[in-house]
Amino acid sequence: MTVSVSTHGIDASELRKLSAPLVNHQQLEIPPAQQATPLLTGYMKVTELEPGMRLRLADVQDHFGLTSRAELPAGVKIALVVDGAARVRYGQQETELGPSAGSTGLVVVMPRADHFERQGRPESFERTLTLSLTPQWLVRHGLGRLLEPTDGTKPHLCHWTPSTQLLFNAWKLFNQPPEYSNPLYQMQLNGFALSLASEALSHVHSRSQPAFEPLPDAGNLHDRRLVRLMNLIDSGRARHATQADLASHLGMSLSNLQRRFRAQYGEALGHYLRRHYLGVAREALMRDRVSVETAADLAGYTSAPNFATAFRREFGITPSDCRGPEPRQ
């Protein structure tokens, strides 16, 4: 379980570090005089519960009406605003969430990467939980067809109302001290995240049932092989393998593997592998504070400057800026 935490004052640098696992190319509209001062007060927690599933808890007050823009990768976002309000935009679609806004829950299905914007108000506050699910996580759980575009490739927004029990469990997460080394706390986070996903996606299911039909068995051997491929990549066993090595291991030709991968995930296998290993390097920088040279090696780069250029192009932040804080003495 990978965790990024910030408490009390959150300045621009810390906010970028916390956002790095979730978004790309983040831009913050900050008054010049406030560049080095806290933009938000409170705390944020970003937890990777399993590969492809991250839960963010935010209990923050916005001092200046911060506007942030970024690119969200393809996948599903599930937002639950239990207190305060959040005004957000996905692509060209804007909405407001919170008890006073009439809707506390939102599911955003994103077949492709798209723009995201958070529009803050001075001295506003929010208590928000956001669950991010990658396309690979959805495929592993039999939900890959959810991302098949039905109306172009623009984000699909679906409001929903959480159950009383889910809201109660959400409040418990905000009102108890985190114990990341406690396996029972980890189980609590995992249980909540899966309950959140189940409720929210079931609501989408009721409105768009075909998206949740299981993939047909006939001719599905290649899809099972893609699941094996993703397991190899997620486990780290594919790190030093070439695409040809992977195809041979799966019993496929290279061209067939590349074609099936693009059809299933909407991008080239080589592009996905590059992004994945840059993400592995990012996690090591944030979690373990490894050197930039070590991170470059993890990402498969022999040149640290080339790695730094690719890293900044992908995430909008330098590897040095992404490193976690010094451990407390």
C-alpha atoms as a PDB file:
ATOM      1  CA  MET A   1       0.000   0.000   0.000  1.00  0.00           C
ATOM      2  CA  THR A   2       1.502   3.321  -1.128  1.00  0.00           C
ATOM      3  CA  VAL A   3       0.552   6.435   0.849  1.00  0.00           C
ATOM      4  CA  SER A   4       1.131  10.161   0.343  1.00  0.00           C
ATOM      5  CA  VAL A   5       0.000  12.402   3.197  1.00  0.00           C
ATOM      6  CA  SER A   6       0.026  16.110   3.885  1.00  0.00           C
ATOM      7  CA  THR A   7      -1.368  17.830   6.967  1.00  0.00           C
ATOM      8  CA  HIS A   8      -1.960  21.421   8.063  1.00  0.00           C
ATOM      9  CA  GLY A   9      -0.731  23.977   5.495  1.00  0.00           C
ATOM     10  CA  ILE A  10      -0.483  22.725   1.900  1.00  0.00           C
ATOM     11  CA  ASP A  11       1.538  24.933  -0.439  1.00  0.00           C
ATOM     12  CA  ALA A  12       1.831  24.666  -4.218  1.00  0.00           C
ATOM     13  CA  SER A  13       4.823  22.330  -4.130  1.00  0.00           C
ATOM     14  CA  GLU A  14       3.188  19.895  -1.726  1.00  0.00           C
ATOM     15  CA  LEU A  15      -0.094  19.985  -3.637  1.00  0.00           C
ATOM     16  CA  ARG A  16       1.712  19.041  -6.841  1.00  0.00           C
ATOM     17  CA  LYS A  17       3.410  16.118  -5.093  1.00  0.00           C
ATOM     18  CA  LEU A  18       0.101  14.858  -3.719  1.00  0.00           C
ATOM     19  CA  SER A  19      -1.581  15.194  -7.107  1.00  0.00           C
ATOM     20  CA  ALA A  20       1.227  13.578  -9.115  1.00  0.00           C
ATOM     21  CA  PRO A  21      -0.101   9.982  -8.804  1.00  0.00           C
ATOM     22  CA  LEU A  22      -3.552  11.064 -10.002  1.00  0.00           C
ATOM     23  CA  VAL A  23      -3.157  13.675 -12.751  1.00  0.00           C
ATOM     24  CA  ASN A  24      -0.767  14.856 -15.441  1.00  0.00           C
ATOM     25  CA  HIS A  25       0.379  18.363 -16.355  1.00  0.00           C
ATOM     26  CA  GLN A  26      -1.180  20.107 -13.373  1.00  0.00           C
ATOM     27  CA  GLN A  27      -1.407  23.906 -13.470  1.00  0.00           C
ATOM     28  CA  LEU A  28      -2.303  26.054 -10.463  1.00  0.00           C
ATOM     29  CA  GLU A  29      -3.640  29.601 -10.655  1.00  0.00           C
ATOM     30  CA  ILE A  30      -1.837  31.197  -7.721  1.00  0.00           C
ATOM     31  CA  PRO A  31      -1.593  34.905  -6.841  1.00  0.00           C
ATOM     32  CA  PRO A  32       2.093  35.908  -7.212  1.00  0.00           C
ATOM     33  CA  ALA A  33       2.317  36.917  -3.567  1.00  0.00           C
ATOM     34  CA  GLN A  34       1.116  33.477  -2.437  1.00  0.00           C
ATOM     35  CA  GLN A  35       3.561  31.242  -4.314  1.00  0.00           C
ATOM     36  CA  ALA A  36       5.312  30.034  -1.142  1.00  0.00           C
ATOM     37  CA  THR A  37       2.401  30.255   1.308  1.00  0.00           C
ATOM     38  CA  PRO A  38      -0.185  27.575   2.130  1.00  0.00           C
ATOM     39  CA  LEU A  39      -3.000  27.521  -0.417  1.00  0.00           C
ATOM     40  CA  LEU A  40      -5.048  25.010   1.549  1.00  0.00           C
ATOM     41  CA  THR A  41      -5.309  24.179   5.238  1.00  0.00           C
ATOM     42  CA  GLY A  42      -6.205  20.720   6.476  1.00  0.00           C
ATOM     43  CA  TYR A  43      -4.990  17.377   5.215  1.00  0.00           C
ATOM     44  CA  MET A  44      -4.930  15.139   2.170  1.00  0.00           C
ATOM     45  CA  LYS A  45      -4.212  11.423   1.979  1.00  0.00           C
ATOM     46  CA  VAL A  46      -3.580   9.534  -1.251  1.00  0.00           C
ATOM     47  CA  THR A  47      -3.432   5.756  -0.855  1.00  0.00           C
ATOM     48  CA  GLU A  48      -2.752   3.138  -3.507  1.00  0.00           C
ATOM     49  CA  LEU A  49      -4.762   0.217  -2.169  1.00  0.00           C
ATOM     50  CA  GLU A  50      -3.918  -2.133  -5.033  1.00  0.00           C
ATOM     51  CA  PRO A  51      -2.487  -1.688  -8.526  1.00  0.00           C
ATOM     52  CA  GLY A  52      -4.779   0.673 -10.404  1.00  0.00           C
ATOM     53  CA  MET A  53      -6.958   1.692  -7.427  1.00  0.00           C
ATOM     54  CA  ARG A  54      -6.184   4.861  -5.455  1.00  0.00           C
ATOM     55  CA  LEU A  55      -8.260   6.519  -2.749  1.00  0.00           C
ATOM     56  CA  ARG A  56      -7.812  10.193  -1.900  1.00  0.00           C
ATOM     57  CA  LEU A  57      -9.206  11.777   1.264  1.00  0.00           C
ATOM     58  CA  ALA A  58      -9.262  15.572   1.362  1.00  0.00           C
ATOM     59  CA  ASP A  59     -10.393  17.625   4.358  1.00  0.00           C
ATOM     60  CA  VAL A  60      -9.301  21.107   3.363  1.00  0.00           C
ATOM     61  CA  GLN A  61     -10.129  24.800   3.492  1.00  0.00           C
ATOM     62  CA  ASP A  62      -9.357  26.922   0.423  1.00  0.00           C
ATOM     63  CA  HIS A  63      -7.932  30.316   1.373  1.00  0.00           C
ATOM     64  CA  PHE A  64      -7.652  32.036  -2.011  1.00  0.00           C
ATOM     65  CA  GLY A  65     -10.166  30.423  -4.343  1.00  0.00           C
ATOM     66  CA  LEU A  66      -7.590  28.139  -5.948  1.00  0.00           C
ATOM     67  CA  THR A  67      -8.220  27.043  -9.521  1.00  0.00           C
ATOM     68  CA  SER A  68      -6.294  23.978 -10.653  1.00  0.00           C
ATOM     69  CA  ARG A  69      -6.234  22.401 -14.103  1.00  0.00           C
ATOM     70  CA  ALA A  70      -4.795  19.075 -15.181  1.00  0.00           C
ATOM     71  CA  GLU A  71      -5.166  16.160 -17.535  1.00  0.00           C
ATOM     72  CA  LEU A  72      -6.929  13.129 -16.114  1.00  0.00           C
ATOM     73  CA  PRO A  73      -5.945   9.758 -17.587  1.00  0.00           C
ATOM     74  CA  ALA A  74      -8.555   7.362 -18.928  1.00  0.00           C
ATOM     75  CA  GLY A  75     -10.455   5.351 -16.336  1.00  0.00           C
ATOM     76  CA  VAL A  76     -13.210   5.921 -13.796  1.00  0.00           C
ATOM     77  CA  LYS A  77     -13.360   8.589 -11.094  1.00  0.00           C
ATOM     78  CA  ILE A  78     -15.825   8.245  -8.219  1.00  0.00           C
ATOM     79  CA  ALA A  79     -16.241  11.338  -6.045  1.00  0.00           C
ATOM     80  CA  LEU A  80     -18.113  11.595  -2.753  1.00  0.00           C
ATOM     81  CA  VAL A  81     -18.391  15.017  -1.082  1.00  0.00           C
ATOM     82  CA  VAL A  82     -19.676  14.435   2.448  1.00  0.00           C
ATOM     83  CA  ASP A  83     -19.348  18.035   3.660  1.00  0.00           C
ATOM     84  CA  GLY A  84     -18.792  21.454   2.118  1.00  0.00           C
ATOM     85  CA  ALA A  85     -18.834  21.797  -1.653  1.00  0.00           C
ATOM     86  CA  ALA A  86     -16.651  21.122  -4.689  1.00  0.00           C
ATOM     87  CA  ARG A  87     -17.093  22.728  -8.099  1.00  0.00           C
ATOM     88  CA  VAL A  88     -15.391  20.749 -10.859  1.00  0.00           C
ATOM     89  CA  ARG A  89     -15.255  20.416 -14.623  1.00  0.00           C
ATOM     90  CA  TYR A  90     -14.542  17.261 -16.627  1.00  0.00           C
ATOM     91  CA  GLY A  91     -13.907  18.066 -20.255  1.00  0.00           C
ATOM     92  CA  GLN A  92     -16.608  20.613 -21.093  1.00  0.00           C
ATOM     93  CA  GLN A  93     -19.037  19.438 -18.384  1.00  0.00           C
ATOM     94  CA  GLU A  94     -19.221  21.381 -15.125  1.00  0.00           C
ATOM     95  CA  THR A  95     -20.944  20.322 -11.934  1.00  0.00           C
ATOM     96  CA  GLU A  96     -21.054  21.073  -8.204  1.00  0.00           C
ATOM     97  CA  LEU A  97     -21.077  18.446  -5.481  1.00  0.00           C
ATOM     98  CA  GLY A  98     -21.940  18.535  -1.809  1.00  0.00           C
ATOM     99  CA  PRO A  99     -24.900  18.270   0.569  1.00  0.00           C
ATOM    100  CA  SER A 100     -26.028  21.805  -0.269  1.00  0.00           C
ATOM    101  CA  ALA A 101     -25.588  21.256  -4.012  1.00  0.00           C
ATOM    102  CA  GLY A 102     -28.232  18.547  -4.207  1.00  0.00           C
ATOM    103  CA  SER A 103     -25.822  15.753  -5.151  1.00  0.00           C
ATOM    104  CA  THR A 104     -23.023  14.295  -3.052  1.00  0.00           C
ATOM    105  CA  GLY A 105     -21.861  11.516  -5.374  1.00  0.00           C
ATOM    106  CA  LEU A 106     -20.511  11.502  -8.922  1.00  0.00           C
ATOM    107  CA  VAL A 107     -19.185   8.802 -11.242  1.00  0.00           C
ATOM    108  CA  VAL A 108     -17.092   9.974 -14.191  1.00  0.00           C
ATOM    109  CA  VAL A 109     -16.375   7.463 -16.942  1.00  0.00           C
ATOM    110  CA  MET A 110     -13.472   8.599 -19.109  1.00  0.00           C
ATOM    111  CA  PRO A 111     -12.811   6.490 -22.230  1.00  0.00           C
ATOM    112  CA  ARG A 112      -9.833   8.723 -23.018  1.00  0.00           C
ATOM    113  CA  ALA A 113      -7.683  11.222 -21.156  1.00  0.00           C
ATOM    114  CA  ASP A 114      -9.342  14.629 -20.847  1.00  0.00           C
ATOM    115  CA  HIS A 115      -9.070  17.965 -19.089  1.00  0.00           C
ATOM    116  CA  PHE A 116     -10.095  18.481 -15.470  1.00  0.00           C
ATOM    117  CA  GLU A 117     -10.596  21.711 -13.565  1.00  0.00           C
ATOM    118  CA  ARG A 118     -11.306  22.429  -9.911  1.00  0.00           C
ATOM    119  CA  GLN A 119     -12.776  25.866  -9.269  1.00  0.00           C
ATOM    120  CA  GLY A 120     -12.278  26.952  -5.672  1.00  0.00           C
ATOM    121  CA  ARG A 121     -13.917  29.728  -3.698  1.00  0.00           C
ATOM    122  CA  PRO A 122     -12.133  31.840  -1.071  1.00  0.00           C
ATOM    123  CA  GLU A 123     -12.547  30.401   2.438  1.00  0.00           C
ATOM    124  CA  SER A 124     -14.622  27.455   1.188  1.00  0.00           C
ATOM    125  CA  PHE A 125     -14.066  23.960   2.568  1.00  0.00           C
ATOM    126  CA  GLU A 126     -14.739  20.387   1.546  1.00  0.00           C
ATOM    127  CA  ARG A 127     -14.514  16.847   2.826  1.00  0.00           C
ATOM    128  CA  THR A 128     -14.136  14.686  -0.240  1.00  0.00           C
ATOM    129  CA  LEU A 129     -13.251  11.094  -1.045  1.00  0.00           C
ATOM    130  CA  THR A 130     -12.166  10.341  -4.601  1.00  0.00           C
ATOM    131  CA  LEU A 131     -11.589   6.840  -5.917  1.00  0.00           C
ATOM    132  CA  SER A 132      -9.543   6.476  -9.114  1.00  0.00           C
ATOM    133  CA  LEU A 133      -9.752   3.250 -11.139  1.00  0.00           C
ATOM    134  CA  THR A 134      -7.459   2.650 -14.107  1.00  0.00           C
ATOM    135  CA  PRO A 135      -8.515   0.826 -17.287  1.00  0.00           C
ATOM    136  CA  GLN A 136      -6.317  -2.099 -16.269  1.00  0.00           C
ATOM    137  CA  TRP A 137      -8.049  -2.396 -12.885  1.00  0.00           C
ATOM    138  CA  LEU A 138     -11.437  -2.368 -14.611  1.00  0.00           C
ATOM    139  CA  VAL A 139     -10.385  -5.096 -17.043  1.00  0.00           C
ATOM    140  CA  ARG A 140      -9.060  -7.299 -14.227  1.00  0.00           C
ATOM    141  CA  HIS A 141     -12.445  -7.008 -12.494  1.00  0.00           C
ATOM    142  CA  GLY A 142     -14.523  -7.724 -15.585  1.00  0.00           C
ATOM    143  CA  LEU A 143     -15.540  -4.101 -16.155  1.00  0.00           C
ATOM    144  CA  GLY A 144     -13.408  -3.235 -19.171  1.00  0.00           C
ATOM    145  CA  ARG A 145     -16.401  -2.640 -21.442  1.00  0.00           C
ATOM    146  CA  LEU A 146     -17.421   0.269 -19.256  1.00  0.00           C
ATOM    147  CA  LEU A 147     -14.840   2.392 -21.075  1.00  0.00           C
ATOM    148  CA  GLU A 148     -16.094   1.524 -24.540  1.00  0.00           C
ATOM    149  CA  PRO A 149     -17.227   4.929 -25.854  1.00  0.00           C
ATOM    150  CA  THR A 150     -20.952   5.204 -26.590  1.00  0.00           C
ATOM    151  CA  ASP A 151     -21.044   8.944 -27.247  1.00  0.00           C
ATOM    152  CA  GLY A 152     -17.695   9.810 -28.746  1.00  0.00           C
ATOM    153  CA  THR A 153     -14.833   9.856 -26.270  1.00  0.00           C
ATOM    154  CA  LYS A 154     -15.984  12.653 -23.961  1.00  0.00           C
ATOM    155  CA  PRO A 155     -16.366  12.006 -20.210  1.00  0.00           C
ATOM    156  CA  HIS A 156     -19.717  10.620 -19.070  1.00  0.00           C
ATOM    157  CA  LEU A 157     -20.948  12.095 -15.759  1.00  0.00           C
ATOM    158  CA  CYS A 158     -23.474  10.230 -13.635  1.00  0.00           C
ATOM    159  CA  HIS A 159     -24.732  11.613 -10.297  1.00  0.00           C
ATOM    160  CA  TRP A 160     -25.713   9.157  -7.591  1.00  0.00           C
ATOM    161  CA  THR A 161     -26.865   9.145  -3.963  1.00  0.00           C
ATOM    162  CA  PRO A 162     -24.774   7.045  -1.548  1.00  0.00           C
ATOM    163  CA  SER A 163     -26.404   4.778   0.998  1.00  0.00           C
ATOM    164  CA  THR A 164     -26.642   5.800   4.641  1.00  0.00           C
ATOM    165  CA  GLN A 165     -24.155   3.066   5.580  1.00  0.00           C
ATOM    166  CA  LEU A 166     -21.602   4.223   3.020  1.00  0.00           C
ATOM    167  CA  LEU A 167     -21.863   7.816   4.261  1.00  0.00           C
ATOM    168  CA  PHE A 168     -21.429   6.616   7.845  1.00  0.00           C
ATOM    169  CA  ASN A 169     -18.288   4.705   6.893  1.00  0.00           C
ATOM    170  CA  ALA A 170     -16.979   7.726   4.984  1.00  0.00           C
ATOM    171  CA  TRP A 171     -17.344   9.955   8.036  1.00  0.00           C
ATOM    172  CA  LYS A 172     -15.489   7.360  10.128  1.00  0.00           C
ATOM    173  CA  LEU A 173     -12.462   7.691   7.843  1.00  0.00           C
ATOM    174  CA  PHE A 174     -12.345  11.428   8.449  1.00  0.00           C
ATOM    175  CA  ASN A 175     -12.896  11.198  12.193  1.00  0.00           C
ATOM    176  CA  GLN A 176     -10.303   8.585  13.161  1.00  0.00           C
ATOM    177  CA  PRO A 177      -6.500   8.828  13.163  1.00  0.00           C
ATOM    178  CA  PRO A 178      -4.886   6.941  10.271  1.00  0.00           C
ATOM    179  CA  GLU A 179      -2.792   3.888  11.139  1.00  0.00           C
ATOM    180  CA  TYR A 180      -1.111   2.888   7.900  1.00  0.00           C
ATOM    181  CA  SER A 181       1.048   0.241   9.562  1.00  0.00           C
ATOM    182  CA  ASN A 182      -2.035  -1.445  11.051  1.00  0.00           C
ATOM    183  CA  PRO A 183      -3.326  -4.240   8.771  1.00  0.00           C
ATOM    184  CA  LEU A 184      -6.841  -3.757  10.141  1.00  0.00           C
ATOM    185  CA  TYR A 185      -6.798  -0.117   9.033  1.00  0.00           C
ATOM    186  CA  GLN A 186      -5.626  -1.211   5.597  1.00  0.00           C
ATOM    187  CA  MET A 187      -8.528  -3.658   5.457  1.00  0.00           C
ATOM    188  CA  GLN A 188     -10.898  -0.845   6.436  1.00  0.00           C
ATOM    189  CA  LEU A 189      -9.639   1.358   3.588  1.00  0.00           C
ATOM    190  CA  ASN A 190      -9.857  -1.502   1.109  1.00  0.00           C
ATOM    191  CA  GLY A 191     -13.332  -2.427   2.268  1.00  0.00           C
ATOM    192  CA  PHE A 192     -14.568   1.135   1.976  1.00  0.00           C
ATOM    193  CA  ALA A 193     -13.037   1.597  -1.474  1.00  0.00           C
ATOM    194  CA  LEU A 194     -14.638  -1.596  -2.788  1.00  0.00           C
ATOM    195  CA  SER A 195     -18.002  -0.656  -1.258  1.00  0.00           C
ATOM    196  CA  LEU A 196     -17.747   2.793  -2.830  1.00  0.00           C
ATOM    197  CA  ALA A 197     -16.932   1.289  -6.222  1.00  0.00           C
ATOM    198  CA  SER A 198     -19.711  -1.289  -5.938  1.00  0.00           C
ATOM    199  CA  GLU A 199     -22.421   1.231  -5.040  1.00  0.00           C
ATOM    200  CA  ALA A 200     -21.387   3.849  -7.554  1.00  0.00           C
ATOM    201  CA  LEU A 201     -20.821   1.482 -10.468  1.00  0.00           C
ATOM    202  CA  SER A 202     -24.043  -0.392  -9.705  1.00  0.00           C
ATOM    203  CA  HIS A 203     -25.861   2.899 -10.182  1.00  0.00           C
ATOM    204  CA  VAL A 204     -24.190   3.352 -13.562  1.00  0.00           C
ATOM    205  CA  HIS A 205     -25.094  -0.269 -14.335  1.00  0.00           C
ATOM    206  CA  SER A 206     -28.778   0.402 -13.701  1.00  0.00           C
ATOM    207  CA  ARG A 207     -28.677   3.201 -16.255  1.00  0.00           C
ATOM    208  CA  SER A 208     -26.407   1.539 -18.816  1.00  0.00           C
ATOM    209  CA  GLN A 209     -26.620  -2.207 -18.316  1.00  0.00           C
ATOM    210  CA  PRO A 210     -24.800  -3.374 -21.473  1.00  0.00           C
ATOM    211  CA  ALA A 211     -21.569  -1.811 -20.236  1.00  0.00           C
ATOM    212  CA  PHE A 212     -21.381  -4.439 -17.481  1.00  0.00           C
ATOM    213  CA  GLU A 213     -22.161  -7.557 -19.473  1.00  0.00           C
ATOM    214  CA  PRO A 214     -19.302 -10.078 -19.252  1.00  0.00           C
ATOM    215  CA  LEU A 215     -17.042 -10.382 -22.250  1.00  0.00           C
ATOM    216  CA  PRO A 216     -18.095 -13.282 -24.487  1.00  0.00           C
ATOM    217  CA  ASP A 217     -16.246 -16.552 -23.964  1.00  0.00           C
ATOM    218  CA  ALA A 218     -15.912 -17.346 -27.663  1.00  0.00           C
ATOM    219  CA  GLY A 219     -12.643 -16.003 -28.991  1.00  0.00           C
ATOM    220  CA  ASN A 220     -11.741 -14.632 -25.571  1.00  0.00           C
ATOM    221  CA  LEU A 221      -8.370 -16.418 -25.331  1.00  0.00           C
ATOM    222  CA  HIS A 222      -6.552 -13.262 -26.402  1.00  0.00           C
ATOM    223  CA  ASP A 223      -8.337 -11.238 -23.722  1.00  0.00           C
ATOM    224  CA  ARG A 224      -7.246 -13.706 -21.060  1.00  0.00           C
ATOM    225  CA  ARG A 225      -3.733 -13.375 -22.372  1.00  0.00           C
ATOM    226  CA  LEU A 226      -3.957  -9.615 -21.986  1.00  0.00           C
ATOM    227  CA  VAL A 227      -5.003 -10.127 -18.371  1.00  0.00           C
ATOM    228  CA  ARG A 228      -1.907 -12.323 -17.930  1.00  0.00           C
ATOM    229  CA  LEU A 229       0.161  -9.592 -19.551  1.00  0.00           C
ATOM    230  CA  MET A 230      -1.146  -6.949 -17.150  1.00  0.00           C
ATOM    231  CA  ASN A 231      -0.438  -9.247 -14.199  1.00  0.00           C
ATOM    232  CA  LEU A 232       3.143  -9.671 -15.425  1.00  0.00           C
ATOM    233  CA  ILE A 233       3.575  -5.919 -15.749  1.00  0.00           C
ATOM    234  CA  ASP A 234       1.952  -5.088 -12.402  1.00  0.00           C
ATOM    235  CA  SER A 235       4.052  -7.690 -10.559  1.00  0.00           C
ATOM    236  CA  GLY A 236       7.304  -6.306 -11.962  1.00  0.00           C
ATOM    237  CA  ARG A 237       8.197  -9.577 -13.718  1.00  0.00           C
ATOM    238  CA  ALA A 238       8.046  -7.895 -17.135  1.00  0.00           C
ATOM    239  CA  ARG A 239      10.427  -5.085 -16.272  1.00  0.00           C
ATOM    240  CA  HIS A 240      13.439  -6.244 -18.313  1.00  0.00           C
ATOM    241  CA  ALA A 241      11.437  -7.961 -21.047  1.00  0.00           C
ATOM    242  CA  THR A 242      11.097  -6.613 -24.569  1.00  0.00           C
ATOM    243  CA  GLN A 243       7.737  -6.548 -26.307  1.00  0.00           C
ATOM    244  CA  ALA A 244       8.881  -9.546 -28.358  1.00  0.00           C
ATOM    245  CA  ASP A 245       9.761 -11.398 -25.128  1.00  0.00           C
ATOM    246  CA  LEU A 246       6.293 -10.705 -23.741  1.00  0.00           C
ATOM    247  CA  ALA A 247       4.588 -11.887 -26.922  1.00  0.00           C
ATOM    248  CA  SER A 248       6.608 -15.110 -26.888  1.00  0.00           C
ATOM    249  CA  HIS A 249       5.814 -15.712 -23.212  1.00  0.00           C
ATOM    250  CA  LEU A 250       2.095 -15.313 -23.937  1.00  0.00           C
ATOM    251  CA  GLY A 251       2.186 -17.542 -27.009  1.00  0.00           C
ATOM    252  CA  MET A 252       1.322 -14.741 -29.437  1.00  0.00           C
ATOM    253  CA  SER A 253       3.048 -13.059 -32.320  1.00  0.00           C
ATOM    254  CA  LEU A 254       4.345  -9.575 -31.600  1.00  0.00           C
ATOM    255  CA  SER A 255       2.048  -7.975 -34.171  1.00  0.00           C
ATOM    256  CA  ASN A 256      -0.977  -9.806 -32.760  1.00  0.00           C
ATOM    257  CA  LEU A 257      -0.141  -8.744 -29.206  1.00  0.00           C
ATOM    258  CA  GLN A 258       0.313  -5.130 -30.242  1.00  0.00           C
ATOM    259  CA  ARG A 259      -2.928  -5.148 -32.231  1.00  0.00           C
ATOM    260  CA  ARG A 260      -4.950  -6.753 -29.426  1.00  0.00           C
ATOM    261  CA  PHE A 261      -3.471  -4.424 -26.820  1.00  0.00           C
ATOM    262  CA  ARG A 262      -4.371  -1.320 -28.815  1.00  0.00           C
ATOM    263  CA  ALA A 263      -7.892  -2.616 -29.439  1.00  0.00           C
ATOM    264  CA  GLN A 264      -8.417  -3.369 -25.725  1.00  0.00           C
ATOM    265  CA  TYR A 265      -6.749  -0.361 -24.099  1.00  0.00           C
ATOM    266  CA  GLY A 266      -6.800   2.304 -26.801  1.00  0.00           C
ATOM    267  CA  GLU A 267      -3.045   2.920 -26.885  1.00  0.00           C
ATOM    268  CA  ALA A 268       0.121   1.310 -28.178  1.00  0.00           C
ATOM    269  CA  LEU A 269       1.781  -1.286 -25.946  1.00  0.00           C
ATOM    270  CA  GLY A 270       5.095   0.565 -26.108  1.00  0.00           C
ATOM    271  CA  HIS A 271       3.457   3.810 -24.992  1.00  0.00           C
ATOM    272  CA  TYR A 272       1.720   2.051 -22.112  1.00  0.00           C
ATOM    273  CA  LEU A 273       4.934   0.381 -20.944  1.00  0.00           C
ATOM    274  CA  ARG A 274       6.772   3.711 -21.016  1.00  0.00           C
ATOM    275  CA  ARG A 275       4.045   5.366 -18.920  1.00  0.00           C
ATOM    276  CA  HIS A 276       3.855   2.430 -16.541  1.00  0.00           C
ATOM    277  CA  TYR A 277       7.568   2.398 -15.748  1.00  0.00           C
ATOM    278  CA  LEU A 278       7.641   6.165 -15.387  1.00  0.00           C
ATOM    279  CA  GLY A 279       4.867   5.639 -12.844  1.00  0.00           C
ATOM    280  CA  VAL A 280       6.946   3.005 -11.038  1.00  0.00           C
ATOM    281  CA  ALA A 281       9.792   5.507 -10.846  1.00  0.00           C
ATOM    282  CA  ARG A 282       7.419   8.178  -9.569  1.00  0.00           C
ATOM    283  CA  GLU A 283       6.184   5.890  -6.783  1.00  0.00           C
ATOM    284  CA  ALA A 284       9.776   5.122  -5.743  1.00  0.00           C
ATOM    285  CA  LEU A 285      10.638   8.823  -5.672  1.00  0.00           C
ATOM    286  CA  MET A 286       7.621   9.665  -3.521  1.00  0.00           C
ATOM    287  CA  ARG A 287       7.631   6.639  -1.239  1.00  0.00           C
ATOM    288  CA  ASP A 288      11.305   5.758  -0.834  1.00  0.00           C
ATOM    289  CA  ARG A 289      13.025   9.026  -1.839  1.00  0.00           C
ATOM    290  CA  VAL A 290      15.334   7.160  -4.218  1.00  0.00           C
ATOM    291  CA  SER A 291      17.855   9.158  -6.213  1.00  0.00           C
ATOM    292  CA  VAL A 292      16.963  10.451  -9.661  1.00  0.00           C
ATOM    293  CA  GLU A 293      19.554   8.055 -11.110  1.00  0.00           C
ATOM    294  CA  THR A 294      17.903   5.078  -9.390  1.00  0.00           C
ATOM    295  CA  ALA A 295      14.484   6.235 -10.554  1.00  0.00           C
ATOM    296  CA  ALA A 296      15.809   6.525 -14.105  1.00  0.00           C
ATOM    297  CA  ASP A 297      17.010   2.920 -13.947  1.00  0.00           C
ATOM    298  CA  LEU A 298      13.622   1.764 -12.646  1.00  0.00           C
ATOM    299  CA  ALA A 299      11.987   3.455 -15.629  1.00  0.00           C
ATOM    300  CA  GLY A 300      14.414   1.811 -18.054  1.00  0.00           C
ATOM    301  CA  TYR A 301      16.487   4.901 -18.875  1.00  0.00           C
ATOM    302  CA  THR A 302      20.283   4.855 -19.023  1.00  0.00           C
ATOM    303  CA  SER A 303      20.439   8.669 -19.044  1.00  0.00           C
ATOM    304  CA  ALA A 304      19.130  10.598 -16.028  1.00  0.00           C
ATOM    305  CA  PRO A 305      18.646  13.823 -18.070  1.00  0.00           C
ATOM    306  CA  ASN A 306      16.608  11.943 -20.685  1.00  0.00           C
ATOM    307  CA  PHE A 307      14.581  10.386 -17.877  1.00  0.00           C
ATOM    308  CA  ALA A 308      13.980  13.795 -16.287  1.00  0.00           C
ATOM    309  CA  THR A 309      12.764  15.197 -19.611  1.00  0.00           C
ATOM    310  CA  ALA A 310      10.370  12.290 -20.173  1.00  0.00           C
ATOM    311  CA  PHE A 311       9.182  12.445 -16.549  1.00  0.00           C
ATOM    312  CA  ARG A 312       8.348  16.136 -16.743  1.00  0.00           C
ATOM    313  CA  ARG A 313       6.627  15.694 -20.101  1.00  0.00           C
ATOM    314  CA  GLU A 314       4.457  12.934 -18.652  1.00  0.00           C
ATOM    315  CA  PHE A 315       3.637  14.349 -15.214  1.00  0.00           C
ATOM    316  CA  GLY A 316       4.302  18.086 -15.465  1.00  0.00           C
ATOM    317  CA  ILE A 317       6.743  17.976 -12.534  1.00  0.00           C
ATOM    318  CA  THR A 318      10.466  17.215 -12.251  1.00  0.00           C
ATOM    319  CA  PRO A 319      11.718  14.022 -10.565  1.00  0.00           C
ATOM    320  CA  SER A 320      13.496  16.110  -7.917  1.00  0.00           C
ATOM    321  CA  ASP A 321      10.299  17.992  -7.068  1.00  0.00           C
ATOM    322  CA  CYS A 322       8.396  14.704  -6.874  1.00  0.00           C
ATOM    323  CA  ARG A 323      10.589  13.206  -4.159  1.00  0.00           C
ATOM    324  CA  GLY A 324       8.872  12.773  -0.822  1.00  0.00           C
ATOM    325  CA  PRO A 325       9.744  14.816   2.276  1.00  0.00           C
ATOM    326  CA  GLU A 326      12.723  13.997   4.449  1.00  0.00           C
ATOM    327  CA  PRO A 327      11.875  11.309   7.006  1.00  0.00           C
ATOM    328  CA  ARG A 328      11.120  12.617  10.470  1.00  0.00           C
ATOM    329  CA  GLN A 329      13.774  12.078  13.093  1.00  0.00           C
END
